[in-house]
Protein backbone atom coordinates (compact mmCIF):
# COMPACT_ATOMS: atom_id res chain seq x y z
CA MET A 1 -1.00 6.00 17.27
CA PRO A 2 2.27 7.00 15.61
CA LYS A 3 4.91 8.52 17.83
CA VAL A 4 7.69 10.86 16.84
CA ILE A 5 10.49 11.82 19.20
CA ALA A 6 11.95 15.23 18.51
CA LYS A 7 15.69 15.21 17.99
CA GLU A 8 17.82 17.69 19.83
CA GLY A 9 17.94 21.01 17.99
CA GLU A 10 15.32 19.91 15.46
CA ALA A 11 12.83 22.54 14.32
CA PHE A 12 9.18 22.07 15.25
CA GLN A 13 8.09 22.20 11.60
CA ILE A 14 10.36 19.28 10.70
CA THR A 15 9.10 17.22 13.64
CA LEU A 16 5.51 17.99 12.67
CA ARG A 17 6.22 16.97 9.06
CA ARG A 18 7.67 13.63 10.25
CA PHE A 19 4.60 13.07 12.43
CA LYS A 20 2.21 13.79 9.55
CA LYS A 21 4.12 11.40 7.32
CA SER A 22 3.99 8.63 9.92
CA CYS A 23 0.23 9.17 10.33
CA GLU A 24 -0.20 8.92 6.57
CA LYS A 25 1.79 5.68 6.42
CA ALA A 26 -0.31 4.22 9.25
CA GLY A 27 -3.49 5.05 7.33
CA LEU A 28 -4.90 6.99 10.27
CA LEU A 29 -6.66 9.74 8.31
CA SER A 30 -8.34 7.40 5.84
CA ASP A 31 -9.59 5.28 8.74
CA ILE A 32 -11.05 8.33 10.48
CA LYS A 33 -12.77 9.49 7.30
CA LYS A 34 -14.13 6.00 6.66
CA ASN A 35 -15.66 5.77 10.15
CA ASN A 36 -16.93 9.36 10.19
CA TYR A 37 -20.55 8.27 9.73
CA TYR A 38 -22.54 5.04 9.64
CA GLU A 39 -22.77 3.35 6.30
CA LYS A 40 -25.47 0.77 5.63
CA PRO A 41 -24.09 -2.68 4.80
CA SER A 42 -25.84 -2.70 1.41
CA ILE A 43 -24.19 0.59 0.44
CA ALA A 44 -20.81 -0.60 1.71
CA ARG A 45 -21.17 -3.75 -0.43
CA ARG A 46 -22.06 -1.70 -3.51
CA LYS A 47 -19.03 0.55 -2.97
CA LYS A 48 -16.77 -2.47 -2.61
CA GLU A 49 -18.13 -4.05 -5.81
CA LYS A 50 -17.75 -0.77 -7.70
CA GLU A 51 -14.15 -0.44 -6.54
CA ALA A 52 -13.41 -4.04 -7.62
CA ARG A 53 -14.85 -3.35 -11.09
CA ARG A 54 -12.80 -0.18 -11.39
CA LYS A 55 -9.59 -2.02 -10.44
CA ALA A 56 -10.33 -4.82 -12.93
CA ILE A 57 -10.85 -2.33 -15.76
CA LYS A 58 -7.66 -0.53 -14.81
CA LEU A 59 -5.72 -3.81 -14.86
CA GLN A 60 -7.16 -4.71 -18.28
CA ARG A 61 -6.09 -1.35 -19.69
CA LYS A 62 -2.61 -1.82 -18.29
CA GLN A 63 -2.36 -5.32 -19.81
CA ARG A 64 -3.47 -4.04 -23.22
CA ARG A 65 -0.92 -1.23 -23.07
CA THR A 66 2.00 -3.47 -22.21
CA GLY A 67 0.81 -6.39 -24.33
CA ARG A 68 1.35 -9.06 -21.70
CA ALA A 69 -0.77 -10.87 -19.17
CA PHE A 70 -0.03 -10.73 -15.46
């Protein structure tokens, strides 16, 4: 759990903003959303494969645009 110590004389809004940013960097919200409900292993596998295909296509487009291979 991210911790933020309020500096002396610092406004609450600024402290809250720093806390939200540290939670985002830690990936806390995405983890909570991911574990919000049970997902069958077969569906999780399909999602993972779909994401891998999407990333591969995106990389191919980027390589065509720049004209070099990574």
